[in-house]
Protein backbone atom coordinates (compact mmCIF):
# COMPACT_ATOMS: atom_id res chain seq x y z
CA UNK A 1 -18.59 40.34 40.50
CA UNK A 2 -16.09 37.61 40.65
CA UNK A 3 -16.63 34.31 42.42
CA UNK A 4 -14.41 31.30 43.81
CA UNK A 5 -15.44 28.31 44.39
CA UNK A 6 -13.70 25.75 46.19
CA UNK A 7 -14.62 24.10 47.87
CA UNK A 8 -17.65 23.70 44.75
CA UNK A 9 -20.64 22.15 46.81
CA UNK A 10 -23.20 21.04 44.20
CA UNK A 11 -27.17 20.50 44.11
CA UNK A 12 -28.93 17.05 44.75
CA UNK A 13 -30.30 17.78 41.06
CA UNK A 14 -26.88 16.63 39.69
CA UNK A 15 -26.82 20.64 38.14
CA UNK A 16 -24.47 23.14 39.04
CA UNK A 17 -25.72 26.31 40.91
CA UNK A 18 -24.18 28.98 38.09
CA UNK A 19 -25.06 32.39 40.14
CA UNK A 20 -25.40 35.08 38.39
CA UNK A 21 -25.13 38.45 38.67
CA UNK A 22 -28.54 39.45 36.83
CA UNK A 23 -31.40 37.15 36.19
CA UNK A 24 -31.10 39.46 32.76
CA UNK A 25 -27.13 38.94 32.19
CA UNK A 26 -27.67 34.43 31.40
CA UNK A 27 -22.87 34.45 32.29
CA UNK A 28 -20.74 33.94 35.24
CA UNK A 29 -16.73 34.16 36.10
CA UNK A 30 -15.32 32.84 38.19
CA UNK A 31 -10.98 32.58 39.13
CA UNK A 32 -10.84 29.41 41.26
CA UNK A 33 -7.48 27.37 43.58
CA UNK A 34 -7.80 24.16 42.62
CA UNK A 35 -5.28 21.34 44.56
CA UNK A 36 -5.73 18.09 45.37
CA UNK A 37 -6.35 18.66 48.63
CA UNK A 38 -10.05 17.54 49.69
CA UNK A 39 -12.71 19.46 49.18
CA UNK A 40 -10.34 21.34 46.92
CA UNK A 41 -11.40 19.98 43.17
CA UNK A 42 -14.23 20.32 41.28
CA UNK A 43 -16.31 16.57 40.74
CA UNK A 44 -18.37 15.55 38.71
CA UNK A 45 -21.06 17.26 36.97
CA UNK A 46 -22.79 18.57 34.82
CA UNK A 47 -24.86 21.36 33.76
CA UNK A 48 -26.66 23.09 30.49
CA UNK A 49 -24.90 26.35 30.21
CA UNK A 50 -21.83 26.63 28.51
CA UNK A 51 -18.50 26.67 30.07
CA UNK A 52 -14.83 27.56 28.74
CA UNK A 53 -12.19 27.37 30.98
CA UNK A 54 -8.23 28.89 30.90
CA UNK A 55 -5.09 28.08 33.27
CA UNK A 56 -3.26 30.92 34.57
CA UNK A 57 -0.86 28.83 36.48
CA UNK A 58 -0.21 25.44 37.60
CA UNK A 59 -1.69 21.84 35.33
CA UNK A 60 -5.21 20.91 35.53
CA UNK A 61 -6.47 17.24 35.12
CA UNK A 62 -9.69 18.14 32.87
CA UNK A 63 -12.24 14.35 33.19
CA UNK A 64 -14.89 14.00 30.62
CA UNK A 65 -16.43 10.54 30.23
CA UNK A 66 -13.85 8.52 28.08
CA UNK A 67 -11.37 11.66 28.14
CA UNK A 68 -9.09 13.30 30.17
CA UNK A 69 -7.05 16.32 29.44
CA UNK A 70 -4.01 17.53 30.74
CA UNK A 71 -3.96 21.03 30.86
CA UNK A 72 -0.67 23.14 31.07
CA UNK A 73 -0.05 27.15 32.17
CA UNK A 74 -1.80 28.52 28.78
CA UNK A 75 -3.89 26.42 27.89
CA UNK A 76 -7.22 26.19 27.93
CA UNK A 77 -10.81 24.81 27.05
CA UNK A 78 -14.74 24.28 26.32
CA UNK A 79 -17.14 22.58 27.89
CA UNK A 80 -20.59 21.87 25.49
CA UNK A 81 -23.61 21.77 27.51
CA UNK A 82 -24.67 18.84 29.92
CA UNK A 83 -20.95 17.33 29.58
CA UNK A 84 -20.53 15.66 33.48
CA UNK A 85 -16.45 16.44 33.71
CA UNK A 86 -14.12 17.04 37.07
CA UNK A 87 -11.55 19.07 37.30
CA UNK A 88 -8.25 18.41 39.53
CA UNK A 89 -5.30 20.89 40.27
CA UNK A 90 -2.56 18.63 39.31
CA UNK A 91 -1.06 18.92 42.29
CA UNK A 92 -2.51 22.89 42.61
CA UNK A 93 -3.70 25.08 39.22
CA UNK A 94 -6.08 28.06 39.34
CA UNK A 95 -8.20 28.81 36.52
CA UNK A 96 -10.26 31.63 35.00
CA UNK A 97 -13.28 30.24 33.76
CA UNK A 98 -16.95 31.60 32.61
CA UNK A 99 -20.23 29.47 32.67
CA UNK A 100 -22.95 31.14 30.45
CA UNK A 101 -25.82 30.16 28.84
CA UNK A 102 -26.18 29.57 24.97
CA UNK A 103 -28.52 32.54 24.36
CA UNK A 104 -26.07 34.98 25.24
CA UNK A 105 -24.83 34.43 22.61
CA UNK A 106 -27.19 33.95 20.31
CA UNK A 107 -30.15 35.10 21.29
CA UNK A 108 -33.38 33.51 19.18
CA UNK A 109 -33.60 29.63 17.62
CA UNK A 110 -34.20 31.14 14.64
CA UNK A 111 -31.45 34.34 14.57
CA UNK A 112 -28.55 33.84 12.20
CA UNK A 113 -26.75 33.60 14.95
CA UNK A 114 -27.87 30.88 17.19
CA UNK A 115 -28.46 28.98 13.22
CA UNK A 116 -25.07 29.18 12.14
CA UNK A 117 -22.21 29.31 14.87
CA UNK A 118 -24.64 27.88 18.16
CA UNK A 119 -26.70 24.95 16.27
CA UNK A 120 -23.72 23.20 14.39
CA UNK A 121 -21.73 23.08 18.11
CA UNK A 122 -23.99 23.15 21.26
CA UNK A 123 -24.64 20.41 22.29
CA UNK A 124 -23.62 17.71 19.56
CA UNK A 125 -22.42 14.68 21.06
CA UNK A 126 -19.06 14.34 18.49
CA UNK A 127 -17.77 17.41 20.51
CA UNK A 128 -18.37 16.82 24.13
CA UNK A 129 -14.71 18.93 24.84
CA UNK A 130 -13.22 20.77 22.60
CA UNK A 131 -9.02 21.69 23.54
CA UNK A 132 -8.19 25.23 22.52
CA UNK A 133 -4.28 25.02 22.56
CA UNK A 134 -2.19 28.28 22.35
CA UNK A 135 -0.38 26.26 19.62
CA UNK A 136 -2.80 26.82 17.47
CA UNK A 137 -3.99 30.48 16.61
CA UNK A 138 -8.05 29.54 17.16
CA UNK A 139 -6.56 27.83 20.53
CA UNK A 140 -5.03 30.68 21.51
CA UNK A 141 -7.71 33.37 20.27
CA UNK A 142 -9.95 31.19 22.50
CA UNK A 143 -7.80 31.15 25.85
CA UNK A 144 -7.33 34.95 25.35
CA UNK A 145 -11.49 35.44 24.34
CA UNK A 146 -11.79 33.72 28.41
CA UNK A 147 -9.04 35.37 29.57
CA UNK A 148 -11.18 39.27 28.56
CA UNK A 149 -14.59 37.53 29.84
CA UNK A 150 -12.86 36.71 32.95
CA UNK A 151 -11.40 40.10 33.18
CA UNK A 152 -14.59 42.29 32.60
CA UNK A 153 -16.26 40.55 35.28
CA UNK A 154 -13.95 41.68 37.48
CA UNK A 155 -13.71 44.85 36.02
CA UNK A 156 -17.37 45.66 36.38
CA UNK A 157 -18.88 48.39 35.56
CA UNK A 158 -21.14 50.30 33.24
CA UNK A 159 -20.70 48.09 29.30
CA UNK A 160 -18.81 45.56 31.29
CA UNK A 161 -22.29 42.85 29.79
CA UNK A 162 -20.89 44.25 26.51
CA UNK A 163 -17.33 43.16 26.89
CA UNK A 164 -18.55 39.41 28.43
CA UNK A 165 -20.88 39.43 25.35
CA UNK A 166 -18.27 39.80 22.61
CA UNK A 167 -15.61 38.11 23.91
CA UNK A 168 -17.71 35.10 24.26
CA UNK A 169 -19.03 35.90 20.97
CA UNK A 170 -15.58 35.69 19.37
CA UNK A 171 -15.02 32.21 21.67
CA UNK A 172 -18.17 30.32 19.90
CA UNK A 173 -15.82 31.46 16.68
CA UNK A 174 -12.95 29.57 17.91
CA UNK A 175 -14.17 26.30 18.92
CA UNK A 176 -16.83 25.53 16.09
CA UNK A 177 -13.19 26.19 13.72
CA UNK A 178 -11.48 23.45 16.26
CA UNK A 179 -14.12 21.67 15.86
CA UNK A 180 -14.53 21.00 12.60
CA UNK A 181 -10.37 20.37 13.30
CA UNK A 182 -11.17 17.39 15.40
CA UNK A 183 -11.97 14.24 15.24
CA UNK A 184 -14.63 14.81 12.41
CA UNK A 185 -17.53 14.00 14.40
CA UNK A 186 -17.65 10.45 15.35
CA UNK A 187 -20.27 9.00 17.30
CA UNK A 188 -19.91 9.35 21.23
CA UNK A 189 -19.30 5.43 22.38
CA UNK A 190 -22.43 3.55 24.21
CA UNK A 191 -20.48 3.46 26.98
CA UNK A 192 -20.60 6.93 27.72
CA UNK A 193 -23.97 7.36 26.61
CA UNK A 194 -25.29 4.83 29.25
CA UNK A 195 -23.04 6.64 32.10
CA UNK A 196 -25.12 9.40 31.22
CA UNK A 197 -27.95 7.81 31.69
CA UNK A 198 -27.25 6.25 34.90
CA UNK A 199 -25.67 9.65 36.72
CA UNK A 200 -29.05 11.90 36.59
CA UNK A 201 -30.71 8.56 37.92
CA UNK A 202 -28.87 8.14 40.72
CA UNK A 203 -28.35 12.73 40.99
CA UNK A 204 -32.03 11.88 40.52
CA UNK A 205 -32.14 9.76 43.87
CA UNK A 206 -29.85 11.37 46.27
CA UNK A 207 -32.56 10.30 49.00
CA UNK A 208 -34.08 6.93 47.96
CA UNK A 209 -32.26 3.30 48.86
CA UNK A 210 -30.87 2.31 45.66
CA UNK A 211 -27.99 0.18 44.37
CA UNK A 212 -25.68 -1.56 41.85
CA UNK A 213 -28.83 -3.30 40.30
CA UNK A 214 -31.67 -0.03 40.33
CA UNK A 215 -28.65 2.55 38.43
CA UNK A 216 -28.26 -0.26 35.99
CA UNK A 217 -31.90 -1.21 35.09
CA UNK A 218 -31.62 3.04 34.40
CA UNK A 219 -29.95 2.34 31.71
CA UNK A 220 -31.73 -0.71 30.83
CA UNK A 221 -28.61 -3.32 31.41
CA UNK A 222 -26.24 -5.51 33.83
CA UNK A 223 -24.96 -5.10 36.08
CA UNK A 224 -21.73 -6.06 35.48
CA UNK A 225 -21.67 -4.23 32.01
CA UNK A 226 -23.10 -1.13 34.17
CA UNK A 227 -19.43 -1.06 36.10
CA UNK A 228 -17.16 -1.29 33.33
CA UNK A 229 -19.03 1.58 31.50
CA UNK A 230 -18.51 3.69 35.17
CA UNK A 231 -15.02 2.11 35.33
CA UNK A 232 -14.28 3.00 31.15
CA UNK A 233 -15.12 7.02 31.47
CA UNK A 234 -15.19 7.63 34.12
CA UNK A 235 -12.52 5.55 36.28
CA UNK A 236 -14.70 4.64 39.32
CA UNK A 237 -18.06 2.46 40.04
CA UNK A 238 -21.57 2.73 40.46
CA UNK A 239 -21.08 3.05 43.96
CA UNK A 240 -18.56 5.52 44.51
CA UNK A 241 -19.82 7.55 42.84
CA UNK A 242 -23.34 7.33 44.43
CA UNK A 243 -21.28 7.87 47.85
CA UNK A 244 -19.40 10.70 46.61
CA UNK A 245 -22.63 12.88 45.01
CA UNK A 246 -23.88 12.68 48.47
CA UNK A 247 -21.78 13.57 50.20
CA UNK A 248 -21.24 17.12 47.30
CA UNK A 249 -25.24 17.29 48.94
CA UNK A 250 -24.88 16.72 52.49
CA UNK A 251 -22.54 19.35 52.66
CA UNK A 252 -24.79 21.67 50.24
CA UNK A 253 -27.46 21.53 53.18
CA UNK A 254 -25.58 21.82 56.10
CA UNK A 255 -24.41 25.07 53.64
CA UNK A 256 -28.03 26.07 53.57
CA UNK A 257 -29.79 24.80 56.77
CA UNK A 258 -27.52 25.65 59.59
CA UNK A 259 -30.36 24.81 62.32
CA UNK A 260 -31.13 20.96 59.99
CA UNK A 261 -29.43 17.68 62.85
CA UNK A 262 -26.44 15.98 61.78
CA UNK A 263 -28.79 13.25 61.97
CA UNK A 264 -31.38 13.92 59.66
CA UNK A 265 -28.89 15.50 56.85
CA UNK A 266 -27.28 12.37 57.10
CA UNK A 267 -30.87 10.48 56.09
CA UNK A 268 -31.93 13.17 53.44
CA UNK A 269 -28.97 12.44 51.22
CA UNK A 270 -29.39 8.67 51.95
CA UNK A 271 -27.13 6.87 54.46
CA UNK A 272 -28.43 4.77 57.01
CA UNK A 273 -25.18 5.62 59.35
CA UNK A 274 -24.83 9.23 61.44
CA UNK A 275 -21.42 7.26 62.28
CA UNK A 276 -20.42 6.69 59.24
CA UNK A 277 -21.51 9.25 57.77
CA UNK A 278 -19.61 11.34 59.84
CA UNK A 279 -16.43 9.38 58.83
CA UNK A 280 -17.10 9.39 54.58
CA UNK A 281 -17.76 13.16 54.82
CA UNK A 282 -13.84 13.52 56.67
CA UNK A 283 -12.10 11.53 54.44
CA UNK A 284 -14.22 13.85 51.08
CA UNK A 285 -13.76 17.19 52.44
CA UNK A 286 -10.70 16.71 55.35
CA UNK A 287 -13.01 17.73 57.91
CA UNK A 288 -16.18 16.74 60.36
CA UNK A 289 -19.30 17.48 59.13
CA UNK A 290 -20.00 20.13 62.12
CA UNK A 291 -16.38 21.61 61.08
CA UNK A 292 -17.58 21.94 57.81
CA UNK A 293 -20.52 23.87 59.29
CA UNK A 294 -17.60 26.65 61.79
CA UNK A 295 -15.45 27.22 58.51
CA UNK A 296 -18.53 28.03 56.45
CA UNK A 297 -20.39 30.54 58.54
CA UNK A 298 -16.89 31.74 59.86
CA UNK A 299 -15.86 32.53 56.01
CA UNK A 300 -19.14 33.98 55.44
CA UNK A 301 -19.33 36.22 58.82
């Protein structure tokens, strides 16, 4: 099965809910249309799974703390686990991607595959994102592996899991080769680490009454430094990130709890004014909370 996820709705714990074909095959393929329209990009988020993306049409801007990659047709990227990232069409694009648990490729931690090939890469803070350029042999191979994995999901049937796992296993080798040719293992900036700590605090307290001082305290820094770090790494303020994540969480509640009063949703995501919530929701998603529910209900009917 293949999934399309525009707009993407995230959980309140800041993890993307990665759907899988079955509990014993922890991977999923996606075919997505992204644009600059409200709600049709992928907002800042992170997940424990590895992710690999290839652009099949248009141009994609892939954002990570302190880094922006512009990927054209045929280009791709590998995103490490627990890395904050966002994706936007410029102005539109189609991407095919796979998210997968590292254990799908590496097996147990004591196995040679996990030790030799995954351990040097997985969670390596020096390589949060690895570009897959079609102009390099490893990059071209890597993009082809991603396409092969997504295509296997589309075909389904007996043995598709073997094809997916094989493609992703070889992809890891390509990414490892490119990572070795990269910047040589430079350590992540302190600002990026601090932003990660603050984002995790925000995502864990979306329903609470928190402000910039609380967010800064999560990284043991002052408000001025928190503002500087967020602007440098994400191009937004802590308050803007908080507001964006609250709206994403609200959209999830509206989708999964159709009977819950909107006034209650407002409180659950830490906002005090229903009218302000409705205004901000419309600015962000391009429709009112009630219209959102109608659209979701019509799509699932």
